[in-house]
Amino acid sequence: MTDEEQDPVGGRVETGDALDDRLLAFSETLIRYTEVVAAVVLGALFAIGVFDLGLQIVQTAVAGPITDPLVVVGFIDTALLLFIIVEVYQTVVAYTQESNTRRIVRLVIYTGVIAMVRKAIIFRTGEYASERAALLAATAYTLLIVGLAVLLVVERRE
C-alpha cells in the first residue's frame, strides 16, 4: 500500500502513514521551538537574577549588615539558585542540540547536586515543627546527596 491512493474523483488521498509522519514532524518542530523559547526564558531569568544579586549585595553593603552570617547565607542561596538555572539551561540546550544521553544525565546529576547542597546550606532546624521532623529532613537530604555523589562517581568512571 502506498502513502497516497487514488480518490474516486481523481485526486490523491493521503493515507494514515503519511499523515502520521507529517503530524510527528510538526510536533517535533513544535517541541524544538518550545525548547528554544525555554532556553531564552532561562537565560533572561539568569541575567535578571545576577543583576538582582548584585543589587542586593550593594544595597546590603551600603546599609551595613553585609557581615551578618544570615545575610551571607542568603547571598549564597541566591547564587546557588542561579547555578541551578544555568544547569537547567544547559540541559535544555543539550536536548535541543540532541546531545548524547550521557551528557544530559551528567547535567541532571549536577543540577541535583547543586540543589541539594543549596538545601543543606540553608537548612535550619528551627523551621521544623519538631526535632524529629528536622532529623528526618536532614537524613533525607543526606541520603539524596550521597546518592547523587555515587551516581556522579559511577558516571565519571564509565
N, C-alpha and C. Protein backbone atom coordinates (compact mmCIF):
# COMPACT_ATOMS: atom_id res chain seq x y z
N MET A 1 0.85 -1.18 0.00
CA MET A 1 0.00 0.00 0.00
C MET A 1 0.89 1.24 0.00
N THR A 2 0.57 2.23 -0.78
CA THR A 2 1.36 3.45 -0.86
C THR A 2 0.83 4.47 0.12
N ASP A 3 1.63 5.57 0.29
CA ASP A 3 1.21 6.62 1.20
C ASP A 3 0.01 7.38 0.65
N GLU A 4 -0.17 7.35 -0.66
CA GLU A 4 -1.31 8.04 -1.25
C GLU A 4 -2.06 7.05 -2.13
N GLU A 5 -3.35 7.17 -2.15
CA GLU A 5 -4.18 6.32 -3.00
C GLU A 5 -5.02 7.22 -3.88
N GLN A 6 -5.54 6.65 -4.97
CA GLN A 6 -6.35 7.42 -5.92
C GLN A 6 -7.74 7.64 -5.33
N ASP A 7 -8.17 8.91 -5.33
CA ASP A 7 -9.53 9.27 -4.91
C ASP A 7 -10.47 8.99 -6.08
N PRO A 8 -11.68 8.53 -5.81
CA PRO A 8 -12.62 8.25 -6.91
C PRO A 8 -12.86 9.47 -7.80
N VAL A 9 -12.73 10.67 -7.26
CA VAL A 9 -12.98 11.88 -8.04
C VAL A 9 -11.75 12.21 -8.90
N GLY A 10 -10.64 11.59 -8.63
CA GLY A 10 -9.46 11.81 -9.44
C GLY A 10 -8.28 12.39 -8.69
N GLY A 11 -8.47 12.86 -7.48
CA GLY A 11 -7.36 13.43 -6.70
C GLY A 11 -6.66 12.36 -5.89
N ARG A 12 -5.64 12.77 -5.22
CA ARG A 12 -4.91 11.85 -4.35
C ARG A 12 -5.41 12.01 -2.92
N VAL A 13 -5.51 10.92 -2.20
CA VAL A 13 -5.94 10.92 -0.81
C VAL A 13 -4.76 10.43 0.03
N GLU A 14 -4.47 11.16 1.08
CA GLU A 14 -3.36 10.80 1.96
C GLU A 14 -3.80 9.70 2.91
N THR A 15 -2.97 8.67 3.04
CA THR A 15 -3.30 7.59 3.97
C THR A 15 -2.81 7.94 5.36
N GLY A 16 -3.10 7.10 6.33
CA GLY A 16 -2.74 7.35 7.72
C GLY A 16 -1.24 7.46 7.95
N ASP A 17 -0.43 6.66 7.25
CA ASP A 17 1.02 6.68 7.47
C ASP A 17 1.62 8.04 7.13
N ALA A 18 1.26 8.59 5.98
CA ALA A 18 1.82 9.89 5.58
C ALA A 18 1.33 10.99 6.51
N LEU A 19 0.07 10.94 6.88
CA LEU A 19 -0.49 11.93 7.80
C LEU A 19 0.19 11.84 9.16
N ASP A 20 0.40 10.61 9.65
CA ASP A 20 1.09 10.42 10.92
C ASP A 20 2.50 11.00 10.86
N ASP A 21 3.21 10.76 9.75
CA ASP A 21 4.56 11.28 9.59
C ASP A 21 4.56 12.80 9.62
N ARG A 22 3.60 13.42 8.94
CA ARG A 22 3.54 14.88 8.91
C ARG A 22 3.20 15.44 10.30
N LEU A 23 2.28 14.79 11.00
CA LEU A 23 1.93 15.24 12.35
C LEU A 23 3.12 15.09 13.31
N LEU A 24 3.84 13.99 13.19
CA LEU A 24 5.02 13.80 14.04
C LEU A 24 6.09 14.84 13.72
N ALA A 25 6.30 15.12 12.45
CA ALA A 25 7.29 16.14 12.07
C ALA A 25 6.88 17.50 12.62
N PHE A 26 5.58 17.83 12.54
CA PHE A 26 5.09 19.08 13.09
C PHE A 26 5.31 19.13 14.60
N SER A 27 4.99 18.03 15.30
CA SER A 27 5.14 18.01 16.77
C SER A 27 6.61 18.13 17.15
N GLU A 28 7.51 17.51 16.40
CA GLU A 28 8.95 17.64 16.69
C GLU A 28 9.42 19.08 16.50
N THR A 29 8.93 19.74 15.46
CA THR A 29 9.28 21.14 15.23
C THR A 29 8.73 22.00 16.36
N LEU A 30 7.50 21.75 16.79
CA LEU A 30 6.89 22.50 17.88
C LEU A 30 7.69 22.33 19.17
N ILE A 31 8.08 21.10 19.45
CA ILE A 31 8.89 20.83 20.65
C ILE A 31 10.23 21.56 20.56
N ARG A 32 10.88 21.51 19.41
CA ARG A 32 12.18 22.17 19.25
C ARG A 32 12.06 23.67 19.50
N TYR A 33 11.04 24.31 18.91
CA TYR A 33 10.86 25.75 19.13
C TYR A 33 10.52 26.05 20.59
N THR A 34 9.74 25.20 21.21
CA THR A 34 9.41 25.38 22.63
C THR A 34 10.67 25.26 23.49
N GLU A 35 11.55 24.32 23.15
CA GLU A 35 12.81 24.18 23.88
C GLU A 35 13.66 25.44 23.74
N VAL A 36 13.69 26.00 22.53
CA VAL A 36 14.47 27.22 22.30
C VAL A 36 13.89 28.38 23.12
N VAL A 37 12.56 28.49 23.14
CA VAL A 37 11.91 29.54 23.94
C VAL A 37 12.24 29.34 25.41
N ALA A 38 12.21 28.09 25.89
CA ALA A 38 12.54 27.80 27.29
C ALA A 38 13.98 28.21 27.59
N ALA A 39 14.90 27.96 26.66
CA ALA A 39 16.30 28.34 26.85
C ALA A 39 16.43 29.86 26.94
N VAL A 40 15.71 30.58 26.09
CA VAL A 40 15.76 32.05 26.12
C VAL A 40 15.21 32.57 27.45
N VAL A 41 14.09 31.99 27.89
CA VAL A 41 13.49 32.41 29.17
C VAL A 41 14.46 32.16 30.32
N LEU A 42 15.10 30.99 30.33
CA LEU A 42 16.07 30.68 31.39
C LEU A 42 17.26 31.63 31.34
N GLY A 43 17.71 31.96 30.15
CA GLY A 43 18.80 32.93 30.00
C GLY A 43 18.41 34.29 30.56
N ALA A 44 17.18 34.72 30.26
CA ALA A 44 16.70 36.00 30.79
C ALA A 44 16.57 35.95 32.31
N LEU A 45 16.05 34.85 32.84
CA LEU A 45 15.94 34.71 34.30
C LEU A 45 17.31 34.77 34.96
N PHE A 46 18.29 34.14 34.35
CA PHE A 46 19.64 34.16 34.90
C PHE A 46 20.20 35.59 34.91
N ALA A 47 20.03 36.29 33.81
CA ALA A 47 20.53 37.67 33.73
C ALA A 47 19.86 38.55 34.78
N ILE A 48 18.55 38.42 34.91
CA ILE A 48 17.81 39.20 35.91
C ILE A 48 18.30 38.84 37.32
N GLY A 49 18.49 37.54 37.56
CA GLY A 49 18.95 37.07 38.87
C GLY A 49 20.33 37.60 39.23
N VAL A 50 21.24 37.60 38.26
CA VAL A 50 22.60 38.12 38.51
C VAL A 50 22.53 39.61 38.83
N PHE A 51 21.74 40.34 38.06
CA PHE A 51 21.58 41.77 38.32
C PHE A 51 21.00 42.00 39.71
N ASP A 52 19.96 41.24 40.05
CA ASP A 52 19.31 41.39 41.35
C ASP A 52 20.26 41.04 42.49
N LEU A 53 21.05 39.98 42.34
CA LEU A 53 22.01 39.61 43.38
C LEU A 53 23.04 40.72 43.58
N GLY A 54 23.54 41.25 42.49
CA GLY A 54 24.50 42.36 42.60
C GLY A 54 23.89 43.56 43.30
N LEU A 55 22.64 43.86 42.96
CA LEU A 55 21.94 44.98 43.59
C LEU A 55 21.75 44.73 45.08
N GLN A 56 21.36 43.51 45.45
CA GLN A 56 21.18 43.16 46.86
C GLN A 56 22.49 43.32 47.64
N ILE A 57 23.59 42.87 47.03
CA ILE A 57 24.89 42.97 47.71
C ILE A 57 25.27 44.42 47.92
N VAL A 58 25.10 45.24 46.90
CA VAL A 58 25.43 46.67 47.02
C VAL A 58 24.55 47.33 48.07
N GLN A 59 23.24 47.09 48.03
CA GLN A 59 22.33 47.70 49.00
C GLN A 59 22.65 47.26 50.41
N THR A 60 22.98 45.98 50.59
CA THR A 60 23.30 45.48 51.92
C THR A 60 24.62 46.07 52.41
N ALA A 61 25.59 46.21 51.52
CA ALA A 61 26.87 46.80 51.90
C ALA A 61 26.70 48.25 52.34
N VAL A 62 25.83 48.98 51.64
CA VAL A 62 25.59 50.38 52.00
C VAL A 62 24.83 50.47 53.32
N ALA A 63 23.85 49.57 53.51
CA ALA A 63 23.03 49.61 54.73
C ALA A 63 23.80 49.11 55.95
N GLY A 64 24.82 48.27 55.76
CA GLY A 64 25.63 47.86 56.89
C GLY A 64 25.64 46.40 57.26
N PRO A 65 24.54 45.63 57.12
CA PRO A 65 24.56 44.26 57.66
C PRO A 65 25.22 43.23 56.72
N ILE A 66 26.17 43.67 55.91
CA ILE A 66 26.83 42.77 54.95
C ILE A 66 27.61 41.66 55.65
N THR A 67 27.98 41.87 56.91
CA THR A 67 28.75 40.85 57.64
C THR A 67 27.87 39.89 58.43
N ASP A 68 26.58 40.10 58.41
CA ASP A 68 25.65 39.21 59.11
C ASP A 68 25.67 37.84 58.42
N PRO A 69 25.97 36.77 59.16
CA PRO A 69 26.05 35.44 58.55
C PRO A 69 24.77 35.02 57.83
N LEU A 70 23.61 35.38 58.35
CA LEU A 70 22.36 35.02 57.67
C LEU A 70 22.22 35.74 56.34
N VAL A 71 22.70 36.96 56.27
CA VAL A 71 22.67 37.71 55.02
C VAL A 71 23.59 37.05 53.99
N VAL A 72 24.77 36.66 54.44
CA VAL A 72 25.73 36.00 53.55
C VAL A 72 25.16 34.66 53.05
N VAL A 73 24.54 33.92 53.94
CA VAL A 73 23.91 32.65 53.55
C VAL A 73 22.81 32.92 52.51
N GLY A 74 22.09 34.01 52.68
CA GLY A 74 21.07 34.38 51.70
C GLY A 74 21.69 34.65 50.33
N PHE A 75 22.84 35.32 50.31
CA PHE A 75 23.54 35.56 49.04
C PHE A 75 23.99 34.25 48.40
N ILE A 76 24.53 33.37 49.23
CA ILE A 76 24.97 32.06 48.72
C ILE A 76 23.78 31.28 48.18
N ASP A 77 22.68 31.33 48.88
CA ASP A 77 21.45 30.65 48.44
C ASP A 77 21.03 31.17 47.06
N THR A 78 21.04 32.47 46.90
CA THR A 78 20.65 33.06 45.62
C THR A 78 21.64 32.66 44.52
N ALA A 79 22.93 32.69 44.83
CA ALA A 79 23.95 32.31 43.84
C ALA A 79 23.79 30.85 43.42
N LEU A 80 23.52 29.98 44.38
CA LEU A 80 23.32 28.56 44.04
C LEU A 80 22.05 28.37 43.21
N LEU A 81 21.03 29.15 43.50
CA LEU A 81 19.81 29.10 42.69
C LEU A 81 20.13 29.52 41.25
N LEU A 82 20.99 30.51 41.09
CA LEU A 82 21.41 30.93 39.75
C LEU A 82 22.18 29.82 39.04
N PHE A 83 23.02 29.09 39.79
CA PHE A 83 23.72 27.96 39.19
C PHE A 83 22.75 26.87 38.75
N ILE A 84 21.70 26.66 39.52
CA ILE A 84 20.68 25.68 39.14
C ILE A 84 20.03 26.12 37.82
N ILE A 85 19.74 27.40 37.69
CA ILE A 85 19.16 27.91 36.45
C ILE A 85 20.11 27.65 35.28
N VAL A 86 21.41 27.86 35.50
CA VAL A 86 22.39 27.61 34.44
C VAL A 86 22.40 26.12 34.06
N GLU A 87 22.37 25.25 35.04
CA GLU A 87 22.38 23.81 34.76
C GLU A 87 21.12 23.39 34.01
N VAL A 88 19.98 23.91 34.40
CA VAL A 88 18.73 23.59 33.69
C VAL A 88 18.80 24.14 32.26
N TYR A 89 19.35 25.35 32.10
CA TYR A 89 19.54 25.92 30.77
C TYR A 89 20.41 25.00 29.92
N GLN A 90 21.53 24.55 30.48
CA GLN A 90 22.42 23.67 29.73
C GLN A 90 21.74 22.36 29.36
N THR A 91 20.88 21.87 30.25
CA THR A 91 20.13 20.65 29.95
C THR A 91 19.17 20.88 28.79
N VAL A 92 18.47 22.00 28.81
CA VAL A 92 17.54 22.32 27.72
C VAL A 92 18.32 22.45 26.40
N VAL A 93 19.45 23.12 26.43
CA VAL A 93 20.28 23.28 25.22
C VAL A 93 20.76 21.91 24.74
N ALA A 94 21.15 21.04 25.66
CA ALA A 94 21.61 19.70 25.28
C ALA A 94 20.48 18.92 24.60
N TYR A 95 19.26 19.03 25.13
CA TYR A 95 18.12 18.40 24.48
C TYR A 95 17.90 18.98 23.09
N THR A 96 17.95 20.29 22.98
CA THR A 96 17.72 20.96 21.71
C THR A 96 18.76 20.55 20.68
N GLN A 97 20.00 20.43 21.11
CA GLN A 97 21.08 20.05 20.19
C GLN A 97 21.18 18.54 20.03
N GLU A 98 20.26 17.83 20.66
CA GLU A 98 20.22 16.37 20.59
C GLU A 98 21.57 15.76 20.99
N SER A 99 22.09 16.26 22.11
CA SER A 99 23.35 15.72 22.65
C SER A 99 23.14 14.29 23.10
N ASN A 100 24.26 13.61 23.35
CA ASN A 100 24.11 12.22 23.78
C ASN A 100 23.49 12.16 25.18
N THR A 101 22.88 11.07 25.45
CA THR A 101 22.15 10.88 26.71
C THR A 101 23.07 11.02 27.91
N ARG A 102 24.28 10.58 27.77
CA ARG A 102 25.23 10.63 28.89
C ARG A 102 25.47 12.07 29.35
N ARG A 103 25.64 12.98 28.39
CA ARG A 103 25.85 14.39 28.73
C ARG A 103 24.62 14.94 29.46
N ILE A 104 23.45 14.59 28.99
CA ILE A 104 22.22 15.09 29.60
C ILE A 104 22.09 14.55 31.03
N VAL A 105 22.38 13.27 31.21
CA VAL A 105 22.31 12.67 32.55
C VAL A 105 23.30 13.35 33.49
N ARG A 106 24.50 13.63 33.01
CA ARG A 106 25.51 14.31 33.82
C ARG A 106 25.00 15.69 34.25
N LEU A 107 24.39 16.42 33.31
CA LEU A 107 23.86 17.75 33.65
C LEU A 107 22.75 17.65 34.70
N VAL A 108 21.90 16.65 34.57
CA VAL A 108 20.81 16.46 35.55
C VAL A 108 21.40 16.13 36.93
N ILE A 109 22.44 15.30 36.96
CA ILE A 109 23.08 14.97 38.24
C ILE A 109 23.70 16.22 38.86
N TYR A 110 24.40 17.02 38.05
CA TYR A 110 24.98 18.27 38.56
C TYR A 110 23.91 19.18 39.13
N THR A 111 22.79 19.28 38.42
CA THR A 111 21.69 20.11 38.91
C THR A 111 21.20 19.61 40.26
N GLY A 112 21.06 18.30 40.39
CA GLY A 112 20.63 17.72 41.65
C GLY A 112 21.62 17.97 42.78
N VAL A 113 22.89 17.84 42.47
CA VAL A 113 23.93 18.09 43.50
C VAL A 113 23.86 19.54 43.96
N ILE A 114 23.80 20.47 43.02
CA ILE A 114 23.74 21.88 43.39
C ILE A 114 22.48 22.17 44.21
N ALA A 115 21.36 21.61 43.79
CA ALA A 115 20.10 21.85 44.52
C ALA A 115 20.18 21.31 45.95
N MET A 116 20.76 20.13 46.12
CA MET A 116 20.83 19.54 47.46
C MET A 116 21.86 20.26 48.33
N VAL A 117 22.95 20.70 47.75
CA VAL A 117 23.92 21.48 48.52
C VAL A 117 23.26 22.78 48.97
N ARG A 118 22.50 23.38 48.08
CA ARG A 118 21.76 24.60 48.43
C ARG A 118 20.83 24.33 49.62
N LYS A 119 20.10 23.21 49.56
CA LYS A 119 19.20 22.87 50.68
C LYS A 119 19.98 22.66 51.98
N ALA A 120 21.14 22.03 51.87
CA ALA A 120 21.95 21.80 53.08
C ALA A 120 22.46 23.11 53.66
N ILE A 121 22.85 24.04 52.80
CA ILE A 121 23.38 25.32 53.28
C ILE A 121 22.31 26.13 53.99
N ILE A 122 21.09 26.13 53.47
CA ILE A 122 20.04 26.95 54.07
C ILE A 122 19.22 26.18 55.11
N PHE A 123 19.62 24.95 55.40
CA PHE A 123 18.89 24.12 56.37
C PHE A 123 18.94 24.74 57.75
N ARG A 124 17.79 24.90 58.35
CA ARG A 124 17.66 25.42 59.71
C ARG A 124 16.69 24.53 60.48
N THR A 125 17.15 23.99 61.60
CA THR A 125 16.29 23.08 62.38
C THR A 125 15.07 23.80 62.92
N GLY A 126 15.19 25.10 63.17
CA GLY A 126 14.08 25.87 63.72
C GLY A 126 12.88 25.99 62.78
N GLU A 127 13.07 25.65 61.51
CA GLU A 127 11.98 25.75 60.54
C GLU A 127 11.06 24.54 60.59
N TYR A 128 11.38 23.56 61.42
CA TYR A 128 10.59 22.33 61.50
C TYR A 128 9.81 22.30 62.80
N ALA A 129 8.69 21.59 62.78
CA ALA A 129 7.79 21.54 63.93
C ALA A 129 8.42 20.85 65.13
N SER A 130 9.31 19.89 64.86
CA SER A 130 9.94 19.17 65.98
C SER A 130 11.37 18.78 65.58
N GLU A 131 12.11 18.35 66.59
CA GLU A 131 13.47 17.88 66.33
C GLU A 131 13.45 16.64 65.45
N ARG A 132 12.43 15.82 65.67
CA ARG A 132 12.31 14.58 64.88
C ARG A 132 12.08 14.91 63.40
N ALA A 133 11.24 15.89 63.13
CA ALA A 133 10.99 16.30 61.74
C ALA A 133 12.26 16.87 61.10
N ALA A 134 13.01 17.64 61.86
CA ALA A 134 14.27 18.20 61.36
C ALA A 134 15.27 17.08 61.08
N LEU A 135 15.35 16.10 61.98
CA LEU A 135 16.26 14.97 61.79
C LEU A 135 15.87 14.16 60.56
N LEU A 136 14.59 13.95 60.38
CA LEU A 136 14.11 13.22 59.21
C LEU A 136 14.47 13.96 57.91
N ALA A 137 14.28 15.27 57.89
CA ALA A 137 14.63 16.06 56.71
C ALA A 137 16.14 16.02 56.47
N ALA A 138 16.93 16.16 57.53
CA ALA A 138 18.39 16.12 57.38
C ALA A 138 18.85 14.76 56.87
N THR A 139 18.23 13.70 57.35
CA THR A 139 18.56 12.35 56.88
C THR A 139 18.21 12.20 55.41
N ALA A 140 17.06 12.70 55.01
CA ALA A 140 16.65 12.61 53.61
C ALA A 140 17.61 13.40 52.72
N TYR A 141 17.99 14.59 53.14
CA TYR A 141 18.95 15.39 52.37
C TYR A 141 20.28 14.66 52.24
N THR A 142 20.73 14.08 53.35
CA THR A 142 22.00 13.35 53.34
C THR A 142 21.95 12.17 52.38
N LEU A 143 20.88 11.40 52.43
CA LEU A 143 20.74 10.26 51.52
C LEU A 143 20.71 10.71 50.06
N LEU A 144 20.01 11.79 49.78
CA LEU A 144 19.97 12.30 48.42
C LEU A 144 21.34 12.77 47.95
N ILE A 145 22.06 13.47 48.80
CA ILE A 145 23.40 13.95 48.43
C ILE A 145 24.35 12.77 48.21
N VAL A 146 24.31 11.79 49.09
CA VAL A 146 25.17 10.61 48.93
C VAL A 146 24.80 9.86 47.66
N GLY A 147 23.50 9.69 47.41
CA GLY A 147 23.05 9.02 46.20
C GLY A 147 23.51 9.74 44.94
N LEU A 148 23.38 11.05 44.93
CA LEU A 148 23.83 11.84 43.77
C LEU A 148 25.35 11.75 43.61
N ALA A 149 26.08 11.76 44.72
CA ALA A 149 27.54 11.64 44.65
C ALA A 149 27.93 10.29 44.08
N VAL A 150 27.26 9.23 44.50
CA VAL A 150 27.53 7.89 43.96
C VAL A 150 27.23 7.87 42.46
N LEU A 151 26.11 8.44 42.06
CA LEU A 151 25.78 8.50 40.63
C LEU A 151 26.86 9.25 39.85
N LEU A 152 27.35 10.33 40.42
CA LEU A 152 28.37 11.13 39.75
C LEU A 152 29.67 10.34 39.60
N VAL A 153 30.07 9.61 40.65
CA VAL A 153 31.27 8.79 40.59
C VAL A 153 31.11 7.69 39.55
N VAL A 154 29.97 7.01 39.56
CA VAL A 154 29.72 5.94 38.58
C VAL A 154 29.72 6.50 37.17
N GLU A 155 29.10 7.63 36.96
CA GLU A 155 29.04 8.23 35.62
C GLU A 155 30.42 8.60 35.14
N ARG A 156 31.26 9.11 36.01
CA ARG A 156 32.63 9.51 35.62
C ARG A 156 33.51 8.32 35.30
N ARG A 157 33.27 7.19 35.96
CA ARG A 157 34.09 6.01 35.73
C ARG A 157 33.74 5.30 34.42
N GLU A 158 32.52 5.47 33.98
CA GLU A 158 32.07 4.78 32.75
C GLU A 158 32.64 5.39 31.52
